[in-house]
Amino acid sequence: MGRPLIHRSPMPGLGLSMGITLTMLCIIVLLPIGALLLKGANYGLAGIWETVNRERVWAALYLSFRLSLLAAIFNLVFGVLLAWVLVRYRFPGRRILDAAVDLPFALPTAVAGISLTALYAPKGVFGQLAAEIGWKIAYTQWGIFIALVFVGLPFVTRTVQPVVEEIEREVEEVSATLGATRLHTLRHVILPMLTPAALTGFALALARAVGEYGSVIFIAGNIPLVTEIAPLLIIIQLEEFNYDAAAAIGIAMLLISFAMLLVINLIQVWSRRRIGYV
């Protein structure tokens, strides 16, 4: 009687690597989230609802998620366009522009906030130009939007860029040879291939924008019910040693973020299945 066949993984050290991965995931992600939920459980559902169900908190949550979603949509469109231009075209300064995309990654958020405030303040370079047409940017919701676009754009561009590089030009040429217009090729050939990566970049940009703090507080003005973001409310509660209220607001942000990312992931799954059927 022969020995049973053992199916081994082609990658060595699967058990060890899986153990390290799960351990790091627990330490970095699951434990902090678990501690937050445990703090909320000790506070009680009634206490959480009483803390969150205030006009100031709802206004901050609505402002943070609304502007984060709008900034992520803006980055989705222009991030894909930027990735396409950087890959498909050659022009003077392309390498400089390509390197500048990563600037929000390397720049400390506080420095980014101070720089944006200096540019868009009423006496700044762009702020003065906007003031001439009666438009105020800094210390308004427009300033928050610009800051969120700044920190989120690289996520879309860098996620889509490798996919654009893998799309061969022959695909477009074949589509044109078969009589398809450029718009038809874009909608039915190019965009379906870019959609999963674009949605991933969109989710990353949205997640970054929701929790952004350093680059926003300098340009926001931080006026309650007007330009006050939810992360700032959490910081305020922590400075007042009201850890239960801070945890309650954090749990509210966690639940809303989870729901939004779940919807995005479902759309990703649908888009991948649709590509498989096409």
Protein backbone atom coordinates (compact mmCIF):
# COMPACT_ATOMS: atom_id res chain seq x y z
CA MET A 1 0.00 0.00 0.00
CA GLY A 2 1.54 3.28 -1.12
CA ARG A 3 1.97 6.36 0.96
CA PRO A 4 -0.75 9.02 0.66
CA LEU A 5 0.11 11.93 -1.58
CA ILE A 6 0.95 15.15 0.25
CA HIS A 7 0.13 18.34 -1.61
CA ARG A 8 2.77 20.86 -0.69
CA SER A 9 2.61 24.55 -1.37
CA PRO A 10 5.04 25.76 -4.05
CA MET A 11 5.97 28.61 -1.71
CA PRO A 12 8.24 27.59 1.17
CA GLY A 13 7.45 28.51 4.75
CA LEU A 14 3.70 28.91 4.29
CA GLY A 15 2.89 28.08 7.91
CA LEU A 16 5.53 30.43 9.32
CA SER A 17 4.64 33.29 6.98
CA MET A 18 0.93 32.83 7.70
CA GLY A 19 1.59 32.89 11.44
CA ILE A 20 3.67 36.07 11.19
CA THR A 21 1.03 37.71 8.99
CA LEU A 22 -1.84 36.90 11.33
CA THR A 23 0.18 38.00 14.37
CA MET A 24 1.03 41.36 12.81
CA LEU A 25 -2.57 41.79 11.67
CA CYS A 26 -3.81 41.21 15.20
CA ILE A 27 -1.28 43.56 16.78
CA ILE A 28 -1.60 46.40 14.28
CA VAL A 29 -5.29 46.22 13.28
CA LEU A 30 -7.47 43.93 15.35
CA LEU A 31 -6.20 44.78 18.83
CA PRO A 32 -6.66 48.59 18.50
CA ILE A 33 -10.14 48.09 17.03
CA GLY A 34 -10.95 45.57 19.75
CA ALA A 35 -9.76 47.98 22.45
CA LEU A 36 -11.96 50.71 20.97
CA LEU A 37 -15.00 48.44 20.91
CA LEU A 38 -14.26 47.22 24.44
CA LYS A 39 -14.11 50.81 25.66
CA GLY A 40 -17.43 51.46 23.97
CA ALA A 41 -18.93 48.32 25.51
CA ASN A 42 -17.94 49.53 28.96
CA TYR A 43 -19.50 52.90 28.16
CA GLY A 44 -22.75 51.26 27.05
CA LEU A 45 -24.97 51.74 24.02
CA ALA A 46 -26.98 54.39 25.81
CA GLY A 47 -23.87 56.41 26.62
CA ILE A 48 -22.56 56.07 23.06
CA TRP A 49 -25.86 57.23 21.58
CA GLU A 50 -26.13 60.12 24.04
CA THR A 51 -22.63 61.28 23.05
CA VAL A 52 -23.11 60.91 19.32
CA ASN A 53 -26.68 62.18 19.15
CA ARG A 54 -25.70 65.84 19.45
CA GLU A 55 -25.91 68.50 16.80
CA ARG A 56 -22.21 69.30 16.97
CA VAL A 57 -21.18 65.65 16.58
CA TRP A 58 -23.59 64.95 13.72
CA ALA A 59 -22.43 68.10 11.94
CA ALA A 60 -18.78 67.05 12.28
CA LEU A 61 -19.49 63.50 11.09
CA TYR A 62 -21.54 64.74 8.14
CA LEU A 63 -18.84 67.24 7.18
CA SER A 64 -16.01 64.70 7.42
CA PHE A 65 -17.70 61.93 5.44
CA ARG A 66 -19.35 64.20 2.89
CA LEU A 67 -16.15 66.04 1.98
CA SER A 68 -14.12 62.82 2.13
CA LEU A 69 -16.50 61.17 -0.34
CA LEU A 70 -16.45 64.19 -2.68
CA ALA A 71 -12.65 64.38 -2.51
CA ALA A 72 -12.36 60.63 -3.21
CA ILE A 73 -14.67 60.96 -6.24
CA PHE A 74 -12.59 63.88 -7.51
CA ASN A 75 -9.41 61.87 -7.01
CA LEU A 76 -10.97 58.87 -8.73
CA VAL A 77 -11.55 60.85 -11.93
CA PHE A 78 -8.39 62.90 -12.04
CA GLY A 79 -6.20 60.21 -10.50
CA VAL A 80 -7.09 57.82 -13.34
CA LEU A 81 -6.49 60.55 -15.92
CA LEU A 82 -3.14 61.39 -14.35
CA ALA A 83 -2.08 57.74 -14.32
CA TRP A 84 -3.06 57.39 -17.98
CA VAL A 85 -1.11 60.52 -18.99
CA LEU A 86 2.00 59.50 -17.06
CA VAL A 87 2.08 56.05 -18.67
CA ARG A 88 0.93 56.69 -22.22
CA TYR A 89 2.54 60.03 -23.09
CA ARG A 90 6.07 61.41 -23.13
CA PHE A 91 6.51 65.13 -22.52
CA PRO A 92 9.04 67.46 -20.89
CA GLY A 93 8.83 67.31 -17.11
CA ARG A 94 7.01 63.98 -17.02
CA ARG A 95 9.48 62.44 -14.57
CA ILE A 96 9.21 65.47 -12.29
CA LEU A 97 5.41 65.24 -12.37
CA ASP A 98 5.60 61.50 -11.70
CA ALA A 99 7.83 62.09 -8.67
CA ALA A 100 5.57 64.90 -7.41
CA VAL A 101 2.67 62.47 -7.17
CA ASP A 102 4.35 60.84 -4.18
CA LEU A 103 4.90 64.15 -2.40
CA PRO A 104 1.85 63.79 -0.09
CA PHE A 105 3.28 60.44 1.06
CA ALA A 106 6.62 61.95 2.07
CA LEU A 107 5.41 65.30 3.38
CA PRO A 108 4.32 65.39 7.06
CA THR A 109 0.64 66.18 7.31
CA ALA A 110 1.21 69.21 9.52
CA VAL A 111 3.68 70.64 7.01
CA ALA A 112 1.15 70.01 4.23
CA GLY A 113 -1.53 71.83 6.21
CA ILE A 114 0.69 74.83 6.89
CA SER A 115 1.77 74.97 3.22
CA LEU A 116 -1.80 74.78 1.94
CA THR A 117 -2.90 77.45 4.40
CA ALA A 118 -0.07 79.74 3.29
CA LEU A 119 -1.11 79.29 -0.33
CA TYR A 120 -4.87 79.61 0.05
CA ALA A 121 -5.12 82.11 2.93
CA PRO A 122 -6.54 85.53 2.00
CA LYS A 123 -2.98 86.89 1.72
CA GLY A 124 -1.58 83.77 0.03
CA VAL A 125 -0.72 83.39 -3.63
CA PHE A 126 -3.88 81.55 -4.65
CA GLY A 127 -5.95 83.08 -1.85
CA GLN A 128 -5.46 86.57 -3.23
CA LEU A 129 -6.51 85.47 -6.70
CA ALA A 130 -9.62 83.83 -5.28
CA ALA A 131 -10.40 86.93 -3.19
CA GLU A 132 -10.45 89.06 -6.33
CA ILE A 133 -13.45 87.10 -7.60
CA GLY A 134 -15.06 87.01 -4.17
CA TRP A 135 -14.14 83.43 -3.34
CA LYS A 136 -12.68 82.47 0.01
CA ILE A 137 -10.87 79.14 0.25
CA ALA A 138 -8.91 78.90 3.49
CA TYR A 139 -10.93 78.51 6.71
CA THR A 140 -13.92 77.24 4.74
CA GLN A 141 -15.13 73.84 3.57
CA TRP A 142 -13.38 74.48 0.25
CA GLY A 143 -10.08 74.50 2.10
CA ILE A 144 -10.89 71.16 3.72
CA PHE A 145 -11.81 69.73 0.33
CA ILE A 146 -8.50 70.84 -1.21
CA ALA A 147 -6.53 69.35 1.69
CA LEU A 148 -8.34 66.00 1.33
CA VAL A 149 -7.74 65.96 -2.42
CA PHE A 150 -4.06 66.65 -1.83
CA VAL A 151 -3.55 63.73 0.54
CA GLY A 152 -5.73 61.27 -1.39
CA LEU A 153 -4.73 61.72 -5.03
CA PRO A 154 -1.59 59.51 -4.91
CA PHE A 155 -3.59 56.50 -3.74
CA VAL A 156 -5.66 56.44 -6.93
CA THR A 157 -2.83 57.29 -9.30
CA ARG A 158 -0.36 54.77 -7.91
CA THR A 159 -2.99 52.02 -7.77
CA VAL A 160 -4.14 52.51 -11.36
CA GLN A 161 -0.73 53.22 -12.92
CA PRO A 162 0.54 49.58 -12.98
CA VAL A 163 -2.71 48.43 -14.58
CA VAL A 164 -2.40 51.06 -17.32
CA GLU A 165 1.14 49.86 -18.00
CA GLU A 166 -0.16 46.31 -18.53
CA ILE A 167 -2.76 47.37 -21.10
CA GLU A 168 -1.16 46.89 -24.48
CA ARG A 169 -1.73 49.46 -27.19
CA GLU A 170 -2.70 46.63 -29.53
CA VAL A 171 -5.95 46.29 -27.60
CA GLU A 172 -6.99 49.78 -28.61
CA GLU A 173 -5.79 49.23 -32.17
CA VAL A 174 -7.80 46.03 -32.51
CA SER A 175 -10.89 47.80 -31.19
CA ALA A 176 -10.42 50.59 -33.73
CA THR A 177 -9.84 48.05 -36.52
CA LEU A 178 -13.19 46.43 -35.71
CA GLY A 179 -14.88 49.79 -36.20
CA ALA A 180 -15.29 50.93 -32.59
CA THR A 181 -15.15 54.62 -31.87
CA ARG A 182 -12.76 56.05 -29.28
CA LEU A 183 -15.64 56.58 -26.85
CA HIS A 184 -16.85 53.00 -27.32
CA THR A 185 -13.30 51.69 -26.81
CA LEU A 186 -12.94 53.76 -23.66
CA ARG A 187 -16.26 52.65 -22.17
CA HIS A 188 -16.26 48.97 -23.14
CA VAL A 189 -12.58 48.07 -23.35
CA ILE A 190 -10.38 50.35 -21.25
CA LEU A 191 -12.60 51.32 -18.30
CA PRO A 192 -13.68 47.74 -17.44
CA MET A 193 -10.02 46.78 -17.11
CA LEU A 194 -9.27 49.83 -14.94
CA THR A 195 -12.37 49.64 -12.73
CA PRO A 196 -11.16 47.17 -10.05
CA ALA A 197 -7.87 49.04 -9.51
CA ALA A 198 -9.63 52.41 -9.65
CA LEU A 199 -12.13 51.32 -7.00
CA THR A 200 -9.29 50.09 -4.81
CA GLY A 201 -7.58 53.46 -5.09
CA PHE A 202 -10.91 55.17 -4.42
CA ALA A 203 -11.38 53.16 -1.22
CA LEU A 204 -7.83 53.97 -0.06
CA ALA A 205 -8.29 57.69 -0.79
CA LEU A 206 -11.62 57.69 1.03
CA ALA A 207 -10.20 55.92 4.07
CA ARG A 208 -7.25 58.33 4.21
CA ALA A 209 -9.51 61.37 3.89
CA VAL A 210 -11.94 60.28 6.62
CA GLY A 211 -9.19 60.01 9.23
CA GLU A 212 -7.08 62.94 8.03
CA TYR A 213 -6.26 65.44 10.77
CA GLY A 214 -2.90 67.20 10.45
CA SER A 215 -3.33 68.74 7.01
CA VAL A 216 -6.93 69.80 7.68
CA ILE A 217 -6.95 71.58 11.03
CA PHE A 218 -4.69 74.38 9.82
CA ILE A 219 -6.82 75.26 6.81
CA ALA A 220 -10.27 74.37 8.17
CA GLY A 221 -10.86 77.18 10.64
CA ASN A 222 -12.34 74.61 13.08
CA ILE A 223 -15.63 76.45 13.59
CA PRO A 224 -18.22 74.23 15.33
CA LEU A 225 -21.14 73.23 13.08
CA VAL A 226 -19.36 74.82 10.08
CA THR A 227 -15.78 73.60 9.52
CA GLU A 228 -15.14 71.29 12.47
CA ILE A 229 -14.16 67.74 11.45
CA ALA A 230 -14.87 64.59 13.44
CA PRO A 231 -11.21 63.72 14.19
CA LEU A 232 -10.84 67.15 15.82
CA LEU A 233 -13.78 66.38 18.10
CA ILE A 234 -12.04 63.19 19.20
CA ILE A 235 -8.85 65.13 19.98
CA ILE A 236 -10.88 67.68 21.96
CA GLN A 237 -12.49 64.93 24.04
CA LEU A 238 -9.10 63.34 24.69
CA GLU A 239 -7.61 66.66 25.81
CA GLU A 240 -10.52 66.98 28.25
CA PHE A 241 -9.79 63.41 29.50
CA ASN A 242 -13.26 62.35 28.37
CA TYR A 243 -12.11 59.02 26.95
CA ASP A 244 -15.60 57.52 26.85
CA ALA A 245 -16.90 60.30 24.59
CA ALA A 246 -13.81 60.02 22.37
CA ALA A 247 -14.38 56.28 22.04
CA ALA A 248 -18.06 56.83 21.24
CA ILE A 249 -17.27 59.21 18.38
CA GLY A 250 -14.53 56.86 17.19
CA ILE A 251 -16.97 53.93 17.12
CA ALA A 252 -19.44 56.01 15.12
CA MET A 253 -16.72 56.81 12.57
CA LEU A 254 -15.66 53.14 12.50
CA LEU A 255 -19.18 51.90 11.77
CA ILE A 256 -19.82 54.47 9.04
CA SER A 257 -16.42 53.79 7.46
CA PHE A 258 -16.99 50.04 7.55
CA ALA A 259 -20.37 50.41 5.86
CA MET A 260 -18.93 52.62 3.10
CA LEU A 261 -15.96 50.32 2.47
CA LEU A 262 -18.26 47.30 2.43
CA VAL A 263 -20.33 48.89 -0.32
CA ILE A 264 -17.16 49.69 -2.29
CA ASN A 265 -15.93 46.09 -1.92
CA LEU A 266 -19.29 44.77 -3.16
CA ILE A 267 -19.02 47.03 -6.19
CA GLN A 268 -15.50 45.71 -6.78
CA VAL A 269 -16.74 42.12 -6.69
CA TRP A 270 -19.54 42.98 -9.10
CA SER A 271 -17.13 44.74 -11.48
CA ARG A 272 -14.74 41.77 -11.51
CA ARG A 273 -17.59 39.35 -12.26
CA ARG A 274 -18.82 41.65 -15.01
CA ILE A 275 -15.36 41.71 -16.58
CA GLY A 276 -15.35 37.92 -16.48
CA TYR A 277 -18.64 37.76 -18.34
CA VAL A 278 -17.61 40.29 -21.01
